[in-house]
């Protein structure tokens, strides 16, 4: 059974949600009472799903989301008016009151998403594309004294900033060296 974290502000809510999820065989639950505990437990136990309210005892859920591993999803249980105020990636809102069936289904869906092979698949590059990226990295290392990891990170960041593929950015770096 998968392990998830429950981080609701009221102890009674944590107990009820734990009974529902464990009773349905959806997940084994760890209970945390603060965002700091959630961070430590998520890293230590490689947790993929955290069920919480819109606010934890020590900080809003949006701040916590930025500190969790990218594979960790946050299922936020709150009244609809609170959910409308949330904005952030990796937050999955579920309006309360929620039925047992909907809660179990949401947790199972999020657990299924984190184990989907498509999410973790590395795009395959042709040997030509790989050679182009290696040439661009070598150029950056030679001209700017970067290490290989620094050159790779430079290309990645430039790609993300431009919304371009890594191979396109590598091509731009090589073309700019010819000028």
C-alpha atoms as a PDB file:
ATOM      1  CA  UNK A   1       0.000   0.000   0.000  1.00  0.00           C
ATOM      2  CA  UNK A   2       1.279   3.466  -0.907  1.00  0.00           C
ATOM      3  CA  UNK A   3       2.160   5.885   1.876  1.00  0.00           C
ATOM      4  CA  UNK A   4       0.809   9.458   1.875  1.00  0.00           C
ATOM      5  CA  UNK A   5       0.907  12.374   4.309  1.00  0.00           C
ATOM      6  CA  UNK A   6      -2.139  13.905   5.985  1.00  0.00           C
ATOM      7  CA  UNK A   7      -1.615  17.473   7.186  1.00  0.00           C
ATOM      8  CA  UNK A   8      -5.026  18.826   8.118  1.00  0.00           C
ATOM      9  CA  UNK A   9      -5.231  21.437  10.883  1.00  0.00           C
ATOM     10  CA  UNK A  10      -7.650  19.511  13.093  1.00  0.00           C
ATOM     11  CA  UNK A  11      -6.640  16.203  14.631  1.00  0.00           C
ATOM     12  CA  UNK A  12     -10.187  14.856  14.258  1.00  0.00           C
ATOM     13  CA  UNK A  13     -10.104  15.541  10.495  1.00  0.00           C
ATOM     14  CA  UNK A  14      -6.764  13.737  10.159  1.00  0.00           C
ATOM     15  CA  UNK A  15      -8.195  10.707  12.001  1.00  0.00           C
ATOM     16  CA  UNK A  16     -11.352  10.620   9.869  1.00  0.00           C
ATOM     17  CA  UNK A  17      -9.497  10.938   6.562  1.00  0.00           C
ATOM     18  CA  UNK A  18      -6.977   8.320   7.692  1.00  0.00           C
ATOM     19  CA  UNK A  19      -9.794   5.882   8.532  1.00  0.00           C
ATOM     20  CA  UNK A  20     -11.423   6.451   5.136  1.00  0.00           C
ATOM     21  CA  UNK A  21      -8.237   6.046   3.082  1.00  0.00           C
ATOM     22  CA  UNK A  22      -6.757   3.145   5.002  1.00  0.00           C
ATOM     23  CA  UNK A  23     -10.164   1.452   5.272  1.00  0.00           C
ATOM     24  CA  UNK A  24     -10.556   1.603   1.499  1.00  0.00           C
ATOM     25  CA  UNK A  25      -7.031   0.285   0.982  1.00  0.00           C
ATOM     26  CA  UNK A  26      -6.097   3.439  -0.919  1.00  0.00           C
ATOM     27  CA  UNK A  27      -3.031   4.411   1.115  1.00  0.00           C
ATOM     28  CA  UNK A  28      -1.206   4.165   4.405  1.00  0.00           C
ATOM     29  CA  UNK A  29      -1.227   7.561   6.113  1.00  0.00           C
ATOM     30  CA  UNK A  30       1.395   9.505   8.061  1.00  0.00           C
ATOM     31  CA  UNK A  31       0.059  12.455  10.030  1.00  0.00           C
ATOM     32  CA  UNK A  32       2.010  15.722  10.168  1.00  0.00           C
ATOM     33  CA  UNK A  33       1.031  18.865  12.036  1.00  0.00           C
ATOM     34  CA  UNK A  34       3.240  21.473  10.318  1.00  0.00           C
ATOM     35  CA  UNK A  35       4.687  22.311   6.920  1.00  0.00           C
ATOM     36  CA  UNK A  36       8.162  21.650   8.289  1.00  0.00           C
ATOM     37  CA  UNK A  37       7.155  18.118   9.315  1.00  0.00           C
ATOM     38  CA  UNK A  38       5.622  17.556   5.870  1.00  0.00           C
ATOM     39  CA  UNK A  39       8.862  18.631   4.148  1.00  0.00           C
ATOM     40  CA  UNK A  40      10.993  16.302   6.259  1.00  0.00           C
ATOM     41  CA  UNK A  41       8.631  13.328   5.945  1.00  0.00           C
ATOM     42  CA  UNK A  42       8.170  13.786   2.186  1.00  0.00           C
ATOM     43  CA  UNK A  43      11.931  13.740   1.672  1.00  0.00           C
ATOM     44  CA  UNK A  44      12.621  10.904   4.108  1.00  0.00           C
ATOM     45  CA  UNK A  45       9.878   8.540   2.932  1.00  0.00           C
ATOM     46  CA  UNK A  46       9.664   9.614  -0.747  1.00  0.00           C
ATOM     47  CA  UNK A  47       5.991  10.568  -0.429  1.00  0.00           C
ATOM     48  CA  UNK A  48       4.076  11.225  -3.646  1.00  0.00           C
ATOM     49  CA  UNK A  49       0.842  12.702  -2.230  1.00  0.00           C
ATOM     50  CA  UNK A  50       0.106  15.106   0.620  1.00  0.00           C
ATOM     51  CA  UNK A  51      -3.497  15.724   1.669  1.00  0.00           C
ATOM     52  CA  UNK A  52      -3.861  19.052   3.441  1.00  0.00           C
ATOM     53  CA  UNK A  53      -6.057  22.090   3.965  1.00  0.00           C
ATOM     54  CA  UNK A  54      -5.493  25.459   2.303  1.00  0.00           C
ATOM     55  CA  UNK A  55      -3.304  26.455   5.248  1.00  0.00           C
ATOM     56  CA  UNK A  56      -1.080  24.502   7.603  1.00  0.00           C
ATOM     57  CA  UNK A  57      -0.317  25.610  11.129  1.00  0.00           C
ATOM     58  CA  UNK A  58       2.891  27.398  10.173  1.00  0.00           C
ATOM     59  CA  UNK A  59       2.336  28.527   6.559  1.00  0.00           C
ATOM     60  CA  UNK A  60       0.022  28.586   3.523  1.00  0.00           C
ATOM     61  CA  UNK A  61      -0.024  25.534   1.278  1.00  0.00           C
ATOM     62  CA  UNK A  62       1.347  27.456  -1.742  1.00  0.00           C
ATOM     63  CA  UNK A  63       4.654  28.000   0.061  1.00  0.00           C
ATOM     64  CA  UNK A  64       4.858  24.340   1.011  1.00  0.00           C
ATOM     65  CA  UNK A  65       4.251  23.261  -2.597  1.00  0.00           C
ATOM     66  CA  UNK A  66       7.419  24.988  -3.751  1.00  0.00           C
ATOM     67  CA  UNK A  67       9.532  23.098  -1.206  1.00  0.00           C
ATOM     68  CA  UNK A  68       8.359  19.582  -2.033  1.00  0.00           C
ATOM     69  CA  UNK A  69       9.937  17.238  -4.587  1.00  0.00           C
ATOM     70  CA  UNK A  70       8.530  17.742  -8.107  1.00  0.00           C
ATOM     71  CA  UNK A  71       6.917  14.297  -8.005  1.00  0.00           C
ATOM     72  CA  UNK A  72       4.897  15.173  -4.891  1.00  0.00           C
ATOM     73  CA  UNK A  73       1.306  16.353  -5.415  1.00  0.00           C
ATOM     74  CA  UNK A  74      -0.799  18.301  -2.931  1.00  0.00           C
ATOM     75  CA  UNK A  75      -4.484  17.439  -2.617  1.00  0.00           C
ATOM     76  CA  UNK A  76      -6.003  20.509  -0.982  1.00  0.00           C
ATOM     77  CA  UNK A  77      -9.272  19.965   0.897  1.00  0.00           C
ATOM     78  CA  UNK A  78     -11.097  23.220   1.597  1.00  0.00           C
ATOM     79  CA  UNK A  79     -14.372  25.055   1.042  1.00  0.00           C
ATOM     80  CA  UNK A  80     -14.815  26.247  -2.540  1.00  0.00           C
ATOM     81  CA  UNK A  81     -14.323  29.932  -1.659  1.00  0.00           C
ATOM     82  CA  UNK A  82     -10.885  29.137  -0.156  1.00  0.00           C
ATOM     83  CA  UNK A  83      -9.896  26.955  -3.114  1.00  0.00           C
ATOM     84  CA  UNK A  84     -10.599  29.829  -5.504  1.00  0.00           C
ATOM     85  CA  UNK A  85      -7.873  31.850  -3.751  1.00  0.00           C
ATOM     86  CA  UNK A  86      -5.200  29.213  -4.337  1.00  0.00           C
ATOM     87  CA  UNK A  87      -2.720  29.498  -7.144  1.00  0.00           C
ATOM     88  CA  UNK A  88       0.308  27.344  -7.666  1.00  0.00           C
ATOM     89  CA  UNK A  89       1.543  24.318  -9.523  1.00  0.00           C
ATOM     90  CA  UNK A  90       1.108  20.853  -8.094  1.00  0.00           C
ATOM     91  CA  UNK A  91      -2.028  21.844  -6.161  1.00  0.00           C
ATOM     92  CA  UNK A  92      -5.108  19.718  -6.748  1.00  0.00           C
ATOM     93  CA  UNK A  93      -8.212  21.267  -5.171  1.00  0.00           C
ATOM     94  CA  UNK A  94     -11.061  19.178  -3.767  1.00  0.00           C
ATOM     95  CA  UNK A  95     -14.020  21.090  -2.397  1.00  0.00           C
ATOM     96  CA  UNK A  96     -15.350  20.185   1.047  1.00  0.00           C
ATOM     97  CA  UNK A  97     -17.530  18.619   2.219  1.00  0.00           C
ATOM     98  CA  UNK A  98     -16.259  15.660   0.212  1.00  0.00           C
ATOM     99  CA  UNK A  99     -17.700  12.158  -0.070  1.00  0.00           C
ATOM    100  CA  UNK A 100     -15.635   9.133   0.896  1.00  0.00           C
ATOM    101  CA  UNK A 101     -15.765   7.882  -2.681  1.00  0.00           C
ATOM    102  CA  UNK A 102     -14.496  11.185  -4.136  1.00  0.00           C
ATOM    103  CA  UNK A 103     -11.690  11.409  -1.571  1.00  0.00           C
ATOM    104  CA  UNK A 104     -10.494   7.864  -2.248  1.00  0.00           C
ATOM    105  CA  UNK A 105     -10.774   8.374  -6.016  1.00  0.00           C
ATOM    106  CA  UNK A 106      -8.755  11.631  -5.873  1.00  0.00           C
ATOM    107  CA  UNK A 107      -5.964  10.043  -3.826  1.00  0.00           C
ATOM    108  CA  UNK A 108      -5.853   6.986  -6.091  1.00  0.00           C
ATOM    109  CA  UNK A 109      -5.760   9.203  -9.190  1.00  0.00           C
ATOM    110  CA  UNK A 110      -2.833  11.250  -7.817  1.00  0.00           C
ATOM    111  CA  UNK A 111      -0.953   8.115  -6.796  1.00  0.00           C
ATOM    112  CA  UNK A 112      -1.545   6.663 -10.252  1.00  0.00           C
ATOM    113  CA  UNK A 113      -0.258   9.837 -11.904  1.00  0.00           C
ATOM    114  CA  UNK A 114       3.023   9.763  -9.990  1.00  0.00           C
ATOM    115  CA  UNK A 115       3.706   6.197 -11.084  1.00  0.00           C
ATOM    116  CA  UNK A 116       2.773   6.735 -14.703  1.00  0.00           C
ATOM    117  CA  UNK A 117       5.743   5.844 -16.904  1.00  0.00           C
ATOM    118  CA  UNK A 118       4.923   8.672 -19.331  1.00  0.00           C
ATOM    119  CA  UNK A 119       5.614  11.275 -16.640  1.00  0.00           C
ATOM    120  CA  UNK A 120       9.118   9.988 -16.022  1.00  0.00           C
ATOM    121  CA  UNK A 121      10.048   9.156 -19.592  1.00  0.00           C
ATOM    122  CA  UNK A 122      13.102  10.961 -20.891  1.00  0.00           C
ATOM    123  CA  UNK A 123      12.632  12.249 -24.411  1.00  0.00           C
ATOM    124  CA  UNK A 124      14.797  10.336 -26.841  1.00  0.00           C
ATOM    125  CA  UNK A 125      17.197  12.400 -28.902  1.00  0.00           C
ATOM    126  CA  UNK A 126      18.782  11.363 -32.147  1.00  0.00           C
ATOM    127  CA  UNK A 127      22.539  10.901 -32.232  1.00  0.00           C
ATOM    128  CA  UNK A 128      22.724  14.098 -34.294  1.00  0.00           C
ATOM    129  CA  UNK A 129      20.870  16.062 -31.616  1.00  0.00           C
ATOM    130  CA  UNK A 130      23.039  14.584 -28.861  1.00  0.00           C
ATOM    131  CA  UNK A 131      26.187  15.516 -30.785  1.00  0.00           C
ATOM    132  CA  UNK A 132      24.904  19.081 -31.229  1.00  0.00           C
ATOM    133  CA  UNK A 133      24.262  19.429 -27.496  1.00  0.00           C
ATOM    134  CA  UNK A 134      27.710  18.011 -26.685  1.00  0.00           C
ATOM    135  CA  UNK A 135      29.345  20.486 -29.099  1.00  0.00           C
ATOM    136  CA  UNK A 136      27.519  23.405 -27.474  1.00  0.00           C
ATOM    137  CA  UNK A 137      28.568  22.231 -24.009  1.00  0.00           C
ATOM    138  CA  UNK A 138      32.176  21.848 -25.165  1.00  0.00           C
ATOM    139  CA  UNK A 139      32.120  25.360 -26.607  1.00  0.00           C
ATOM    140  CA  UNK A 140      30.814  26.778 -23.321  1.00  0.00           C
ATOM    141  CA  UNK A 141      33.443  24.852 -21.370  1.00  0.00           C
ATOM    142  CA  UNK A 142      36.286  26.007 -23.639  1.00  0.00           C
ATOM    143  CA  UNK A 143      35.303  29.675 -24.016  1.00  0.00           C
ATOM    144  CA  UNK A 144      33.816  30.359 -20.592  1.00  0.00           C
ATOM    145  CA  UNK A 145      35.673  27.921 -18.332  1.00  0.00           C
ATOM    146  CA  UNK A 146      32.504  26.086 -17.323  1.00  0.00           C
ATOM    147  CA  UNK A 147      32.455  22.534 -16.064  1.00  0.00           C
ATOM    148  CA  UNK A 148      30.281  20.021 -17.940  1.00  0.00           C
ATOM    149  CA  UNK A 149      27.454  20.209 -15.351  1.00  0.00           C
ATOM    150  CA  UNK A 150      27.586  24.032 -15.440  1.00  0.00           C
ATOM    151  CA  UNK A 151      27.419  24.055 -19.243  1.00  0.00           C
ATOM    152  CA  UNK A 152      24.509  21.611 -19.216  1.00  0.00           C
ATOM    153  CA  UNK A 153      22.640  23.681 -16.613  1.00  0.00           C
ATOM    154  CA  UNK A 154      23.301  26.842 -18.638  1.00  0.00           C
ATOM    155  CA  UNK A 155      21.745  25.231 -21.716  1.00  0.00           C
ATOM    156  CA  UNK A 156      18.792  23.934 -19.686  1.00  0.00           C
ATOM    157  CA  UNK A 157      18.081  27.315 -18.106  1.00  0.00           C
ATOM    158  CA  UNK A 158      18.417  29.155 -21.411  1.00  0.00           C
ATOM    159  CA  UNK A 159      16.016  26.633 -22.973  1.00  0.00           C
ATOM    160  CA  UNK A 160      13.461  27.096 -20.226  1.00  0.00           C
ATOM    161  CA  UNK A 161      13.755  30.882 -20.352  1.00  0.00           C
ATOM    162  CA  UNK A 162      13.115  30.852 -24.107  1.00  0.00           C
ATOM    163  CA  UNK A 163      10.535  28.061 -24.081  1.00  0.00           C
ATOM    164  CA  UNK A 164      12.689  26.160 -26.556  1.00  0.00           C
ATOM    165  CA  UNK A 165      13.971  22.615 -26.760  1.00  0.00           C
ATOM    166  CA  UNK A 166      17.491  21.958 -25.490  1.00  0.00           C
ATOM    167  CA  UNK A 167      18.717  21.078 -28.975  1.00  0.00           C
ATOM    168  CA  UNK A 168      17.404  24.392 -30.354  1.00  0.00           C
ATOM    169  CA  UNK A 169      19.265  26.316 -27.661  1.00  0.00           C
ATOM    170  CA  UNK A 170      22.434  24.339 -28.356  1.00  0.00           C
ATOM    171  CA  UNK A 171      22.101  25.287 -32.041  1.00  0.00           C
ATOM    172  CA  UNK A 172      21.772  28.977 -31.107  1.00  0.00           C
ATOM    173  CA  UNK A 173      24.885  28.787 -28.919  1.00  0.00           C
ATOM    174  CA  UNK A 174      26.873  27.225 -31.756  1.00  0.00           C
ATOM    175  CA  UNK A 175      25.577  29.739 -34.316  1.00  0.00           C
ATOM    176  CA  UNK A 176      26.417  32.682 -32.069  1.00  0.00           C
ATOM    177  CA  UNK A 177      30.005  31.397 -31.781  1.00  0.00           C
ATOM    178  CA  UNK A 178      30.383  31.710 -35.575  1.00  0.00           C
ATOM    179  CA  UNK A 179      29.556  35.424 -35.558  1.00  0.00           C
END
